[in-house]
Amino acid sequence: MAMQSRTHATGLYASRKLHYMVFMQKDSKLFEDIAKIASGAAGAAMDMKREVESAITDRIERLMARGQFVTREEFEVVKAMAQKAREENAALKAELEKLKR
């Protein structure tokens, strides 16, 4: 009887170990599937990010091409011309006031 009990205990242990291994394999497969899904989602998010960046860049380039923008240098030249014109205008105004007297 003791021998049968020992064999039964060993068989029970082997059965539990086998059940545990099958359970762990299922868990491992589940974690692998979850990792694949997460990896796919991360890849899709990166692709979406690139698409959005590309669309925004394209839109900005089209807006810039359509607009009539000047360079900083051109702006500074016109700004200096306007300042000079204001100074000349003030000088002419002062001269006109002198002549009126």
N, C-alpha and C. Protein backbone atom coordinates (compact mmCIF):
# COMPACT_ATOMS: atom_id res chain seq x y z
N MET A 1 0.82 -1.18 0.00
CA MET A 1 0.00 0.00 0.00
C MET A 1 0.86 1.25 0.00
N ALA A 2 1.95 1.22 0.74
CA ALA A 2 2.84 2.37 0.80
C ALA A 2 3.44 2.63 -0.57
N MET A 3 3.74 1.57 -1.29
CA MET A 3 4.31 1.71 -2.62
C MET A 3 3.29 2.32 -3.57
N GLN A 4 2.04 1.89 -3.46
CA GLN A 4 1.00 2.43 -4.31
C GLN A 4 0.76 3.90 -3.97
N SER A 5 0.83 4.26 -2.72
CA SER A 5 0.64 5.63 -2.28
C SER A 5 1.75 6.52 -2.82
N ARG A 6 2.99 5.98 -2.76
CA ARG A 6 4.12 6.74 -3.28
C ARG A 6 3.99 6.93 -4.79
N THR A 7 3.61 5.89 -5.50
CA THR A 7 3.43 5.97 -6.95
C THR A 7 2.31 6.95 -7.27
N HIS A 8 1.24 6.88 -6.48
CA HIS A 8 0.13 7.79 -6.69
C HIS A 8 0.57 9.24 -6.44
N ALA A 9 1.36 9.46 -5.40
CA ALA A 9 1.86 10.80 -5.08
C ALA A 9 2.77 11.29 -6.19
N THR A 10 3.65 10.42 -6.70
CA THR A 10 4.54 10.80 -7.78
C THR A 10 3.73 11.11 -9.03
N GLY A 11 2.74 10.30 -9.31
CA GLY A 11 1.87 10.52 -10.47
C GLY A 11 1.09 11.82 -10.32
N LEU A 12 0.64 12.10 -9.10
CA LEU A 12 -0.10 13.33 -8.83
C LEU A 12 0.81 14.53 -9.03
N TYR A 13 2.05 14.41 -8.54
CA TYR A 13 3.03 15.48 -8.70
C TYR A 13 3.31 15.73 -10.18
N ALA A 14 3.51 14.64 -10.93
CA ALA A 14 3.78 14.75 -12.37
C ALA A 14 2.57 15.36 -13.08
N SER A 15 1.38 14.99 -12.67
CA SER A 15 0.18 15.52 -13.28
C SER A 15 0.06 17.03 -13.01
N ARG A 16 0.34 17.43 -11.76
CA ARG A 16 0.29 18.86 -11.41
C ARG A 16 1.36 19.64 -12.16
N LYS A 17 2.54 19.02 -12.25
CA LYS A 17 3.64 19.69 -12.97
C LYS A 17 3.27 19.86 -14.44
N LEU A 18 2.69 18.83 -15.03
CA LEU A 18 2.27 18.90 -16.43
C LEU A 18 1.19 19.98 -16.60
N HIS A 19 0.22 19.99 -15.67
CA HIS A 19 -0.84 21.00 -15.72
C HIS A 19 -0.24 22.40 -15.61
N TYR A 20 0.72 22.56 -14.70
CA TYR A 20 1.38 23.86 -14.50
C TYR A 20 2.12 24.27 -15.78
N MET A 21 2.81 23.32 -16.40
CA MET A 21 3.57 23.63 -17.62
C MET A 21 2.62 24.03 -18.75
N VAL A 22 1.50 23.32 -18.88
CA VAL A 22 0.52 23.65 -19.92
C VAL A 22 -0.05 25.03 -19.64
N PHE A 23 -0.37 25.31 -18.37
CA PHE A 23 -0.90 26.61 -17.99
C PHE A 23 0.11 27.71 -18.29
N MET A 24 1.38 27.47 -17.98
CA MET A 24 2.42 28.46 -18.23
C MET A 24 2.60 28.68 -19.73
N GLN A 25 2.50 27.62 -20.52
CA GLN A 25 2.61 27.76 -21.97
C GLN A 25 1.46 28.61 -22.50
N LYS A 26 0.27 28.40 -21.96
CA LYS A 26 -0.88 29.21 -22.38
C LYS A 26 -0.66 30.67 -21.99
N ASP A 27 -0.17 30.87 -20.75
CA ASP A 27 0.13 32.24 -20.29
C ASP A 27 1.20 32.86 -21.16
N SER A 28 2.22 32.07 -21.46
CA SER A 28 3.31 32.58 -22.28
C SER A 28 2.79 32.97 -23.66
N LYS A 29 1.93 32.16 -24.22
CA LYS A 29 1.34 32.46 -25.53
C LYS A 29 0.49 33.73 -25.43
N LEU A 30 -0.26 33.85 -24.34
CA LEU A 30 -1.08 35.04 -24.13
C LEU A 30 -0.20 36.29 -24.06
N PHE A 31 0.88 36.22 -23.30
CA PHE A 31 1.79 37.37 -23.18
C PHE A 31 2.46 37.69 -24.52
N GLU A 32 2.78 36.65 -25.27
CA GLU A 32 3.36 36.87 -26.60
C GLU A 32 2.36 37.58 -27.50
N ASP A 33 1.10 37.14 -27.44
CA ASP A 33 0.06 37.79 -28.24
C ASP A 33 -0.14 39.24 -27.83
N ILE A 34 -0.15 39.48 -26.53
CA ILE A 34 -0.30 40.86 -26.04
C ILE A 34 0.89 41.72 -26.48
N ALA A 35 2.08 41.15 -26.42
CA ALA A 35 3.27 41.89 -26.85
C ALA A 35 3.21 42.20 -28.34
N LYS A 36 2.73 41.26 -29.13
CA LYS A 36 2.59 41.49 -30.58
C LYS A 36 1.57 42.60 -30.85
N ILE A 37 0.47 42.56 -30.13
CA ILE A 37 -0.56 43.60 -30.31
C ILE A 37 -0.01 44.96 -29.92
N ALA A 38 0.68 45.01 -28.78
CA ALA A 38 1.26 46.28 -28.32
C ALA A 38 2.29 46.79 -29.31
N SER A 39 3.10 45.89 -29.82
CA SER A 39 4.12 46.27 -30.80
C SER A 39 3.47 46.79 -32.07
N GLY A 40 2.43 46.12 -32.51
CA GLY A 40 1.70 46.57 -33.70
C GLY A 40 1.05 47.93 -33.48
N ALA A 41 0.49 48.13 -32.29
CA ALA A 41 -0.14 49.42 -31.98
C ALA A 41 0.90 50.53 -31.94
N ALA A 42 2.08 50.24 -31.37
CA ALA A 42 3.14 51.24 -31.33
C ALA A 42 3.60 51.59 -32.74
N GLY A 43 3.73 50.59 -33.57
CA GLY A 43 4.12 50.82 -34.97
C GLY A 43 3.08 51.65 -35.70
N ALA A 44 1.81 51.34 -35.46
CA ALA A 44 0.73 52.10 -36.09
C ALA A 44 0.73 53.54 -35.61
N ALA A 45 0.99 53.74 -34.32
CA ALA A 45 1.05 55.10 -33.77
C ALA A 45 2.20 55.89 -34.39
N MET A 46 3.34 55.24 -34.57
CA MET A 46 4.48 55.92 -35.19
C MET A 46 4.17 56.28 -36.64
N ASP A 47 3.51 55.36 -37.35
CA ASP A 47 3.11 55.63 -38.73
C ASP A 47 2.15 56.81 -38.79
N MET A 48 1.18 56.84 -37.85
CA MET A 48 0.23 57.95 -37.81
C MET A 48 0.95 59.26 -37.53
N LYS A 49 1.91 59.23 -36.62
CA LYS A 49 2.66 60.44 -36.28
C LYS A 49 3.39 60.97 -37.52
N ARG A 50 4.03 60.06 -38.25
CA ARG A 50 4.73 60.47 -39.47
C ARG A 50 3.77 61.05 -40.50
N GLU A 51 2.60 60.44 -40.63
CA GLU A 51 1.60 60.92 -41.58
C GLU A 51 1.12 62.33 -41.20
N VAL A 52 0.85 62.54 -39.92
CA VAL A 52 0.38 63.85 -39.46
C VAL A 52 1.46 64.90 -39.67
N GLU A 53 2.71 64.56 -39.30
CA GLU A 53 3.81 65.51 -39.51
C GLU A 53 3.96 65.86 -40.98
N SER A 54 3.87 64.86 -41.83
CA SER A 54 4.00 65.08 -43.26
C SER A 54 2.87 65.97 -43.78
N ALA A 55 1.65 65.71 -43.33
CA ALA A 55 0.50 66.51 -43.77
C ALA A 55 0.64 67.96 -43.30
N ILE A 56 1.08 68.16 -42.07
CA ILE A 56 1.25 69.52 -41.55
C ILE A 56 2.35 70.25 -42.31
N THR A 57 3.47 69.57 -42.52
CA THR A 57 4.57 70.18 -43.26
C THR A 57 4.14 70.56 -44.67
N ASP A 58 3.43 69.67 -45.33
CA ASP A 58 2.94 69.93 -46.68
C ASP A 58 2.00 71.13 -46.69
N ARG A 59 1.11 71.18 -45.71
CA ARG A 59 0.14 72.29 -45.63
C ARG A 59 0.86 73.63 -45.41
N ILE A 60 1.84 73.66 -44.53
CA ILE A 60 2.59 74.89 -44.26
C ILE A 60 3.35 75.33 -45.50
N GLU A 61 3.97 74.37 -46.19
CA GLU A 61 4.71 74.72 -47.41
C GLU A 61 3.78 75.32 -48.46
N ARG A 62 2.57 74.74 -48.60
CA ARG A 62 1.62 75.29 -49.57
C ARG A 62 1.17 76.70 -49.18
N LEU A 63 0.93 76.92 -47.89
CA LEU A 63 0.54 78.26 -47.43
C LEU A 63 1.65 79.27 -47.67
N MET A 64 2.88 78.86 -47.41
CA MET A 64 4.02 79.76 -47.61
C MET A 64 4.20 80.08 -49.09
N ALA A 65 4.01 79.10 -49.94
CA ALA A 65 4.18 79.31 -51.39
C ALA A 65 3.09 80.23 -51.94
N ARG A 66 1.90 80.13 -51.38
CA ARG A 66 0.77 80.93 -51.86
C ARG A 66 0.87 82.37 -51.38
N GLY A 67 1.41 82.59 -50.19
CA GLY A 67 1.47 83.92 -49.61
C GLY A 67 2.56 84.77 -50.25
N GLN A 68 2.42 86.07 -50.02
CA GLN A 68 3.43 87.00 -50.53
C GLN A 68 4.28 87.45 -49.35
N PHE A 69 5.23 86.64 -49.01
CA PHE A 69 6.10 86.91 -47.88
C PHE A 69 7.41 87.51 -48.36
N VAL A 70 8.00 88.33 -47.52
CA VAL A 70 9.29 88.94 -47.86
C VAL A 70 10.35 88.38 -46.93
N THR A 71 11.59 88.49 -47.39
CA THR A 71 12.69 88.05 -46.54
C THR A 71 12.95 89.10 -45.47
N ARG A 72 13.68 88.74 -44.48
CA ARG A 72 14.02 89.68 -43.40
C ARG A 72 14.82 90.85 -43.97
N GLU A 73 15.71 90.56 -44.90
CA GLU A 73 16.54 91.60 -45.52
C GLU A 73 15.66 92.61 -46.27
N GLU A 74 14.70 92.11 -47.04
CA GLU A 74 13.80 93.01 -47.77
C GLU A 74 12.99 93.86 -46.79
N PHE A 75 12.55 93.25 -45.71
CA PHE A 75 11.79 93.98 -44.70
C PHE A 75 12.62 95.11 -44.10
N GLU A 76 13.87 94.82 -43.76
CA GLU A 76 14.74 95.82 -43.15
C GLU A 76 15.00 96.98 -44.12
N VAL A 77 15.15 96.69 -45.43
CA VAL A 77 15.38 97.74 -46.43
C VAL A 77 14.17 98.66 -46.50
N VAL A 78 12.97 98.09 -46.55
CA VAL A 78 11.75 98.90 -46.63
C VAL A 78 11.56 99.68 -45.33
N LYS A 79 11.89 99.07 -44.22
CA LYS A 79 11.78 99.76 -42.93
C LYS A 79 12.70 100.98 -42.90
N ALA A 80 13.92 100.84 -43.39
CA ALA A 80 14.86 101.95 -43.44
C ALA A 80 14.34 103.03 -44.39
N MET A 81 13.78 102.65 -45.52
CA MET A 81 13.22 103.62 -46.47
C MET A 81 12.07 104.41 -45.82
N ALA A 82 11.22 103.71 -45.07
CA ALA A 82 10.10 104.39 -44.41
C ALA A 82 10.60 105.37 -43.36
N GLN A 83 11.62 104.96 -42.61
CA GLN A 83 12.20 105.85 -41.59
C GLN A 83 12.78 107.09 -42.25
N LYS A 84 13.50 106.91 -43.35
CA LYS A 84 14.09 108.03 -44.07
C LYS A 84 13.00 108.96 -44.60
N ALA A 85 11.92 108.38 -45.12
CA ALA A 85 10.80 109.18 -45.64
C ALA A 85 10.15 109.99 -44.52
N ARG A 86 9.99 109.39 -43.32
CA ARG A 86 9.42 110.12 -42.18
C ARG A 86 10.31 111.29 -41.78
N GLU A 87 11.62 111.04 -41.76
CA GLU A 87 12.57 112.11 -41.41
C GLU A 87 12.51 113.24 -42.44
N GLU A 88 12.48 112.90 -43.73
CA GLU A 88 12.39 113.92 -44.78
C GLU A 88 11.07 114.68 -44.68
N ASN A 89 10.00 113.97 -44.38
CA ASN A 89 8.70 114.59 -44.22
C ASN A 89 8.72 115.59 -43.06
N ALA A 90 9.33 115.22 -41.95
CA ALA A 90 9.42 116.13 -40.80
C ALA A 90 10.26 117.36 -41.17
N ALA A 91 11.36 117.16 -41.91
CA ALA A 91 12.21 118.29 -42.30
C ALA A 91 11.45 119.23 -43.24
N LEU A 92 10.72 118.67 -44.19
CA LEU A 92 9.94 119.49 -45.12
C LEU A 92 8.83 120.24 -44.39
N LYS A 93 8.23 119.60 -43.42
CA LYS A 93 7.19 120.24 -42.65
C LYS A 93 7.75 121.44 -41.89
N ALA A 94 8.93 121.24 -41.29
CA ALA A 94 9.57 122.34 -40.56
C ALA A 94 9.92 123.48 -41.51
N GLU A 95 10.43 123.16 -42.69
CA GLU A 95 10.79 124.18 -43.67
C GLU A 95 9.55 124.94 -44.14
N LEU A 96 8.45 124.23 -44.34
CA LEU A 96 7.18 124.86 -44.76
C LEU A 96 6.68 125.83 -43.67
N GLU A 97 6.80 125.42 -42.43
CA GLU A 97 6.37 126.30 -41.33
C GLU A 97 7.21 127.58 -41.30
N LYS A 98 8.52 127.46 -41.60
CA LYS A 98 9.42 128.64 -41.65
C LYS A 98 8.99 129.59 -42.75
N LEU A 99 8.65 129.02 -43.90
CA LEU A 99 8.26 129.86 -45.04
C LEU A 99 6.91 130.54 -44.80
N LYS A 100 6.05 129.94 -44.07
CA LYS A 100 4.74 130.53 -43.78
C LYS A 100 4.87 131.76 -42.90
N ARG A 101 5.87 131.90 -42.12
CA ARG A 101 6.01 133.02 -41.20
C ARG A 101 6.45 134.21 -41.88
